[in-house]
Amino acid sequence: MVRRFVPDGLRSSSRSSSDGREASLDRPSRHDRQLVAYPVGTPSRLIGVVHYEQLVHAVESGRLSDPVSELVDDELVHVHPDHVSDVVLQRLASSSGLLPVVTRDDAQRLVGVVTFDGVRRFLRERRPS
């Protein structure tokens, strides 16, 4: 099941969309600025990742009624739970800031995500006092 999803930074307010609703892009919340991509799908079936910029473009082009599944990237950069840190960091650097962690036996089964902010927090907590 794919749900329609509009993050807090994309609120309706001033521009008409294709279905007559007013839409504009409000300033993203702190959370939205840190998470620049969003997983799409269910925990057992990851469809892909939609980037914040793709959502902005959808709002600006009046595509508010389109399912988010139509916006996802075809190329899904991901890692598996047994990947070493070097691989995770390399793939995170080539991603949009959200790196899905999927099982080896089913690349659509989401078991977690790695984000830039999460890595930053992890490194800060591991730093000796």
N, C-alpha and C. Protein backbone atom coordinates (compact mmCIF):
# COMPACT_ATOMS: atom_id res chain seq x y z
N MET A 1 0.83 -1.17 0.00
CA MET A 1 0.00 0.00 0.00
C MET A 1 0.89 1.24 0.00
N VAL A 2 0.64 2.13 -0.91
CA VAL A 2 1.38 3.39 -0.97
C VAL A 2 0.45 4.48 -0.49
N ARG A 3 0.91 5.22 0.51
CA ARG A 3 0.10 6.31 1.04
C ARG A 3 0.54 7.62 0.43
N ARG A 4 -0.39 8.52 0.27
CA ARG A 4 -0.04 9.87 -0.16
C ARG A 4 0.63 10.55 1.02
N PHE A 5 1.71 11.26 0.75
CA PHE A 5 2.51 11.82 1.83
C PHE A 5 2.97 13.21 1.45
N VAL A 6 2.68 14.17 2.29
CA VAL A 6 3.18 15.53 2.09
C VAL A 6 3.83 15.95 3.40
N PRO A 7 5.15 16.15 3.43
CA PRO A 7 5.81 16.52 4.67
C PRO A 7 5.39 17.91 5.15
N ASP A 8 5.72 18.21 6.41
CA ASP A 8 5.32 19.48 7.03
C ASP A 8 5.73 20.69 6.21
N GLY A 9 6.85 20.64 5.52
CA GLY A 9 7.33 21.78 4.76
C GLY A 9 6.53 22.08 3.52
N LEU A 10 5.63 21.20 3.13
CA LEU A 10 4.81 21.41 1.94
C LEU A 10 3.36 21.56 2.37
N ARG A 11 2.97 22.77 2.65
CA ARG A 11 1.62 23.03 3.13
C ARG A 11 0.84 23.80 2.08
N SER A 12 -0.46 23.58 2.07
CA SER A 12 -1.31 24.33 1.16
C SER A 12 -1.49 25.75 1.65
N SER A 13 -1.38 26.74 0.71
CA SER A 13 -1.69 28.10 1.13
C SER A 13 -1.93 29.09 0.01
N SER A 14 -1.17 29.13 -1.10
CA SER A 14 -1.37 30.28 -1.98
C SER A 14 -1.48 30.02 -3.48
N ARG A 15 -1.03 28.94 -4.02
CA ARG A 15 -1.04 28.73 -5.47
C ARG A 15 -2.07 27.65 -5.81
N SER A 16 -2.82 27.81 -6.89
CA SER A 16 -3.83 26.83 -7.26
C SER A 16 -3.18 25.59 -7.84
N SER A 17 -3.65 24.43 -7.42
CA SER A 17 -3.17 23.17 -7.96
C SER A 17 -4.14 22.69 -9.02
N SER A 18 -3.84 21.55 -9.62
CA SER A 18 -4.68 21.03 -10.71
C SER A 18 -6.09 20.69 -10.24
N ASP A 19 -6.27 20.41 -8.96
CA ASP A 19 -7.61 20.07 -8.48
C ASP A 19 -8.31 21.25 -7.83
N GLY A 20 -7.78 22.47 -8.02
CA GLY A 20 -8.43 23.66 -7.52
C GLY A 20 -8.03 24.07 -6.11
N ARG A 21 -7.26 23.21 -5.42
CA ARG A 21 -6.82 23.58 -4.08
C ARG A 21 -5.69 24.58 -4.17
N GLU A 22 -5.54 25.36 -3.13
CA GLU A 22 -4.44 26.32 -3.07
C GLU A 22 -3.21 25.60 -2.54
N ALA A 23 -2.03 25.88 -3.14
CA ALA A 23 -0.82 25.21 -2.68
C ALA A 23 0.37 26.13 -2.82
N SER A 24 1.27 26.04 -1.87
CA SER A 24 2.54 26.74 -1.97
C SER A 24 3.54 26.02 -1.09
N LEU A 25 4.77 26.46 -1.16
CA LEU A 25 5.82 25.83 -0.38
C LEU A 25 6.17 26.72 0.79
N ASP A 26 5.83 26.26 1.99
CA ASP A 26 6.23 26.98 3.19
C ASP A 26 7.67 26.64 3.52
N ARG A 27 8.28 27.43 4.37
CA ARG A 27 9.65 27.15 4.81
C ARG A 27 9.66 25.80 5.51
N PRO A 28 10.57 24.89 5.11
CA PRO A 28 10.62 23.56 5.74
C PRO A 28 10.95 23.66 7.22
N SER A 29 10.40 22.73 7.98
CA SER A 29 10.75 22.66 9.40
C SER A 29 12.19 22.19 9.54
N ARG A 30 12.72 22.26 10.75
CA ARG A 30 14.09 21.80 10.98
C ARG A 30 14.22 20.33 10.58
N HIS A 31 13.24 19.53 10.93
CA HIS A 31 13.27 18.11 10.59
C HIS A 31 13.31 17.92 9.07
N ASP A 32 12.50 18.65 8.32
CA ASP A 32 12.47 18.50 6.87
C ASP A 32 13.79 18.90 6.23
N ARG A 33 14.47 19.89 6.78
CA ARG A 33 15.76 20.31 6.21
C ARG A 33 16.82 19.24 6.46
N GLN A 34 16.72 18.51 7.58
CA GLN A 34 17.70 17.47 7.88
C GLN A 34 17.44 16.21 7.06
N LEU A 35 16.20 15.86 6.87
CA LEU A 35 15.84 14.66 6.12
C LEU A 35 15.45 15.11 4.72
N VAL A 36 16.35 14.95 3.77
CA VAL A 36 16.12 15.49 2.44
C VAL A 36 15.49 14.47 1.49
N ALA A 37 15.17 13.30 1.99
CA ALA A 37 14.51 12.28 1.20
C ALA A 37 13.64 11.45 2.13
N TYR A 38 12.65 10.78 1.56
CA TYR A 38 11.70 10.02 2.35
C TYR A 38 11.51 8.65 1.71
N PRO A 39 11.52 7.57 2.52
CA PRO A 39 11.23 6.24 1.95
C PRO A 39 9.76 6.15 1.57
N VAL A 40 9.48 5.43 0.50
CA VAL A 40 8.11 5.27 0.02
C VAL A 40 7.79 3.79 -0.04
N GLY A 41 6.68 3.40 0.55
CA GLY A 41 6.25 2.02 0.56
C GLY A 41 5.85 1.59 1.96
N THR A 42 5.99 0.32 2.23
CA THR A 42 5.72 -0.24 3.54
C THR A 42 7.00 -0.90 4.03
N PRO A 43 7.07 -1.28 5.31
CA PRO A 43 8.30 -1.96 5.77
C PRO A 43 8.61 -3.25 5.00
N SER A 44 7.59 -3.92 4.49
CA SER A 44 7.85 -5.16 3.76
C SER A 44 8.01 -4.96 2.26
N ARG A 45 7.73 -3.75 1.76
CA ARG A 45 7.87 -3.50 0.32
C ARG A 45 8.29 -2.06 0.07
N LEU A 46 9.59 -1.84 0.02
CA LEU A 46 10.12 -0.52 -0.28
C LEU A 46 10.03 -0.29 -1.78
N ILE A 47 9.34 0.77 -2.16
CA ILE A 47 9.20 1.11 -3.58
C ILE A 47 10.37 1.96 -4.03
N GLY A 48 10.79 2.87 -3.19
CA GLY A 48 11.89 3.74 -3.54
C GLY A 48 12.00 4.89 -2.57
N VAL A 49 12.71 5.91 -2.99
CA VAL A 49 12.94 7.10 -2.18
C VAL A 49 12.49 8.31 -2.99
N VAL A 50 11.77 9.21 -2.35
CA VAL A 50 11.39 10.45 -3.01
C VAL A 50 12.19 11.57 -2.34
N HIS A 51 12.76 12.42 -3.16
CA HIS A 51 13.59 13.51 -2.67
C HIS A 51 12.73 14.73 -2.36
N TYR A 52 13.16 15.50 -1.40
CA TYR A 52 12.44 16.71 -1.03
C TYR A 52 12.23 17.60 -2.25
N GLU A 53 13.26 17.73 -3.09
CA GLU A 53 13.15 18.57 -4.28
C GLU A 53 12.06 18.06 -5.23
N GLN A 54 11.88 16.75 -5.30
CA GLN A 54 10.83 16.19 -6.14
C GLN A 54 9.45 16.57 -5.60
N LEU A 55 9.32 16.60 -4.28
CA LEU A 55 8.06 17.02 -3.68
C LEU A 55 7.81 18.50 -3.93
N VAL A 56 8.86 19.30 -3.83
CA VAL A 56 8.74 20.73 -4.12
C VAL A 56 8.27 20.93 -5.55
N HIS A 57 8.89 20.22 -6.49
CA HIS A 57 8.52 20.34 -7.90
C HIS A 57 7.05 19.91 -8.10
N ALA A 58 6.63 18.85 -7.42
CA ALA A 58 5.24 18.40 -7.55
C ALA A 58 4.27 19.49 -7.08
N VAL A 59 4.60 20.15 -5.98
CA VAL A 59 3.75 21.23 -5.48
C VAL A 59 3.73 22.38 -6.47
N GLU A 60 4.91 22.79 -6.93
CA GLU A 60 5.00 23.93 -7.83
C GLU A 60 4.35 23.68 -9.18
N SER A 61 4.30 22.42 -9.60
CA SER A 61 3.69 22.12 -10.90
C SER A 61 2.23 21.67 -10.77
N GLY A 62 1.66 21.81 -9.56
CA GLY A 62 0.24 21.51 -9.38
C GLY A 62 -0.09 20.03 -9.39
N ARG A 63 0.86 19.18 -9.00
CA ARG A 63 0.64 17.73 -9.01
C ARG A 63 0.35 17.19 -7.62
N LEU A 64 -0.40 17.94 -6.82
CA LEU A 64 -0.70 17.53 -5.45
C LEU A 64 -1.55 16.26 -5.37
N SER A 65 -2.31 15.96 -6.38
CA SER A 65 -3.17 14.78 -6.33
C SER A 65 -2.48 13.52 -6.87
N ASP A 66 -1.25 13.65 -7.38
CA ASP A 66 -0.51 12.49 -7.88
C ASP A 66 -0.03 11.63 -6.70
N PRO A 67 -0.09 10.32 -6.84
CA PRO A 67 0.45 9.46 -5.78
C PRO A 67 1.97 9.66 -5.68
N VAL A 68 2.49 9.62 -4.49
CA VAL A 68 3.91 9.83 -4.28
C VAL A 68 4.73 8.73 -4.98
N SER A 69 4.14 7.57 -5.21
CA SER A 69 4.84 6.48 -5.89
C SER A 69 5.24 6.87 -7.31
N GLU A 70 4.57 7.87 -7.90
CA GLU A 70 4.94 8.33 -9.24
C GLU A 70 6.15 9.25 -9.22
N LEU A 71 6.58 9.68 -8.05
CA LEU A 71 7.69 10.60 -7.93
C LEU A 71 9.01 9.92 -7.57
N VAL A 72 8.97 8.67 -7.15
CA VAL A 72 10.18 8.00 -6.65
C VAL A 72 11.21 7.79 -7.75
N ASP A 73 12.47 7.77 -7.33
CA ASP A 73 13.58 7.47 -8.24
C ASP A 73 13.58 6.00 -8.60
N ASP A 74 13.92 5.70 -9.86
CA ASP A 74 14.04 4.31 -10.28
C ASP A 74 15.30 3.66 -9.69
N GLU A 75 16.37 4.44 -9.59
CA GLU A 75 17.63 3.94 -9.03
C GLU A 75 17.58 4.05 -7.52
N LEU A 76 17.69 2.94 -6.83
CA LEU A 76 17.63 2.93 -5.38
C LEU A 76 18.99 2.56 -4.81
N VAL A 77 19.71 3.54 -4.30
CA VAL A 77 20.97 3.29 -3.61
C VAL A 77 20.62 2.75 -2.24
N HIS A 78 21.18 1.60 -1.86
CA HIS A 78 20.84 0.98 -0.58
C HIS A 78 22.05 0.21 -0.04
N VAL A 79 21.94 -0.25 1.20
CA VAL A 79 22.93 -1.12 1.81
C VAL A 79 22.21 -2.26 2.51
N HIS A 80 23.01 -3.26 2.89
CA HIS A 80 22.51 -4.39 3.65
C HIS A 80 23.07 -4.32 5.07
N PRO A 81 22.42 -4.95 6.03
CA PRO A 81 22.89 -4.87 7.42
C PRO A 81 24.32 -5.36 7.64
N ASP A 82 24.82 -6.21 6.76
CA ASP A 82 26.18 -6.74 6.95
C ASP A 82 27.25 -5.95 6.20
N HIS A 83 26.89 -4.85 5.57
CA HIS A 83 27.89 -4.03 4.89
C HIS A 83 28.80 -3.35 5.92
N VAL A 84 30.08 -3.20 5.54
CA VAL A 84 31.03 -2.53 6.43
C VAL A 84 30.82 -1.02 6.34
N SER A 85 31.33 -0.32 7.33
CA SER A 85 31.13 1.13 7.43
C SER A 85 31.59 1.88 6.20
N ASP A 86 32.73 1.47 5.62
CA ASP A 86 33.23 2.15 4.43
C ASP A 86 32.20 2.14 3.30
N VAL A 87 31.58 1.00 3.09
CA VAL A 87 30.57 0.87 2.03
C VAL A 87 29.36 1.75 2.36
N VAL A 88 28.93 1.72 3.61
CA VAL A 88 27.77 2.52 4.03
C VAL A 88 28.05 4.01 3.80
N LEU A 89 29.22 4.48 4.23
CA LEU A 89 29.55 5.90 4.07
C LEU A 89 29.69 6.29 2.61
N GLN A 90 30.29 5.42 1.81
CA GLN A 90 30.43 5.70 0.38
C GLN A 90 29.07 5.80 -0.29
N ARG A 91 28.18 4.88 0.01
CA ARG A 91 26.85 4.92 -0.59
C ARG A 91 26.00 6.05 -0.04
N LEU A 92 26.17 6.37 1.23
CA LEU A 92 25.45 7.52 1.79
C LEU A 92 25.87 8.79 1.07
N ALA A 93 27.17 8.92 0.79
CA ALA A 93 27.66 10.11 0.09
C ALA A 93 27.07 10.23 -1.31
N SER A 94 26.75 9.10 -1.94
CA SER A 94 26.18 9.15 -3.29
C SER A 94 24.66 9.14 -3.28
N SER A 95 24.08 9.15 -2.09
CA SER A 95 22.62 9.15 -1.99
C SER A 95 22.12 10.58 -1.77
N SER A 96 20.84 10.68 -1.51
CA SER A 96 20.22 11.98 -1.29
C SER A 96 20.18 12.36 0.18
N GLY A 97 20.87 11.61 1.01
CA GLY A 97 20.86 11.89 2.44
C GLY A 97 20.07 10.88 3.23
N LEU A 98 19.42 9.95 2.56
CA LEU A 98 18.69 8.88 3.21
C LEU A 98 19.08 7.59 2.50
N LEU A 99 19.68 6.68 3.23
CA LEU A 99 20.16 5.42 2.66
C LEU A 99 19.37 4.27 3.27
N PRO A 100 18.49 3.64 2.48
CA PRO A 100 17.72 2.51 3.01
C PRO A 100 18.62 1.31 3.31
N VAL A 101 18.32 0.63 4.41
CA VAL A 101 18.97 -0.63 4.75
C VAL A 101 17.94 -1.71 4.51
N VAL A 102 18.25 -2.63 3.58
CA VAL A 102 17.32 -3.69 3.20
C VAL A 102 17.96 -5.05 3.43
N THR A 103 17.12 -6.08 3.54
CA THR A 103 17.63 -7.43 3.76
C THR A 103 18.28 -7.96 2.50
N ARG A 104 19.22 -8.89 2.66
CA ARG A 104 19.89 -9.50 1.50
C ARG A 104 18.95 -10.38 0.70
N ASP A 105 18.06 -11.08 1.37
CA ASP A 105 17.17 -12.00 0.66
C ASP A 105 15.99 -11.31 -0.01
N ASP A 106 15.72 -10.05 0.37
CA ASP A 106 14.62 -9.31 -0.25
C ASP A 106 14.96 -7.82 -0.24
N ALA A 107 15.44 -7.32 -1.36
CA ALA A 107 15.90 -5.93 -1.45
C ALA A 107 14.77 -4.92 -1.31
N GLN A 108 13.53 -5.39 -1.19
CA GLN A 108 12.41 -4.46 -0.96
C GLN A 108 11.97 -4.47 0.51
N ARG A 109 12.60 -5.29 1.34
CA ARG A 109 12.23 -5.34 2.76
C ARG A 109 13.10 -4.37 3.53
N LEU A 110 12.51 -3.27 3.96
CA LEU A 110 13.21 -2.20 4.67
C LEU A 110 13.39 -2.58 6.14
N VAL A 111 14.65 -2.53 6.61
CA VAL A 111 14.91 -2.82 8.02
C VAL A 111 15.44 -1.59 8.76
N GLY A 112 15.73 -0.51 8.02
CA GLY A 112 16.20 0.71 8.65
C GLY A 112 16.67 1.70 7.61
N VAL A 113 17.14 2.85 8.08
CA VAL A 113 17.70 3.87 7.21
C VAL A 113 18.93 4.47 7.88
N VAL A 114 19.85 4.96 7.07
CA VAL A 114 21.02 5.68 7.54
C VAL A 114 20.90 7.09 6.97
N THR A 115 21.11 8.10 7.82
CA THR A 115 21.05 9.49 7.37
C THR A 115 22.35 10.20 7.74
N PHE A 116 22.63 11.31 7.07
CA PHE A 116 23.80 12.12 7.42
C PHE A 116 23.74 12.54 8.88
N ASP A 117 22.57 12.99 9.31
CA ASP A 117 22.40 13.45 10.67
C ASP A 117 22.63 12.31 11.66
N GLY A 118 22.15 11.12 11.33
CA GLY A 118 22.35 9.96 12.20
C GLY A 118 23.83 9.60 12.33
N VAL A 119 24.57 9.67 11.24
CA VAL A 119 26.01 9.39 11.29
C VAL A 119 26.71 10.46 12.12
N ARG A 120 26.32 11.71 11.91
CA ARG A 120 26.92 12.82 12.67
C ARG A 120 26.69 12.64 14.18
N ARG A 121 25.46 12.29 14.56
CA ARG A 121 25.15 12.06 15.98
C ARG A 121 25.94 10.88 16.53
N PHE A 122 26.03 9.81 15.75
CA PHE A 122 26.78 8.63 16.18
C PHE A 122 28.24 8.98 16.42
N LEU A 123 28.86 9.71 15.50
CA LEU A 123 30.27 10.07 15.65
C LEU A 123 30.48 11.01 16.84
N ARG A 124 29.56 11.93 17.05
CA ARG A 124 29.66 12.85 18.19
C ARG A 124 29.58 12.08 19.51
N GLU A 125 28.70 11.10 19.59
CA GLU A 125 28.55 10.32 20.82
C GLU A 125 29.75 9.42 21.06
N ARG A 126 30.42 9.00 20.01
CA ARG A 126 31.58 8.10 20.14
C ARG A 126 32.88 8.86 20.42
N ARG A 127 32.85 10.18 20.25
CA ARG A 127 34.05 10.99 20.45
C ARG A 127 34.45 10.94 21.93
N PRO A 128 35.76 10.68 22.19
CA PRO A 128 36.20 10.64 23.60
C PRO A 128 36.05 12.00 24.25
N SER A 129 35.71 12.00 25.52
CA SER A 129 35.50 13.24 26.27
C SER A 129 36.80 13.93 26.63
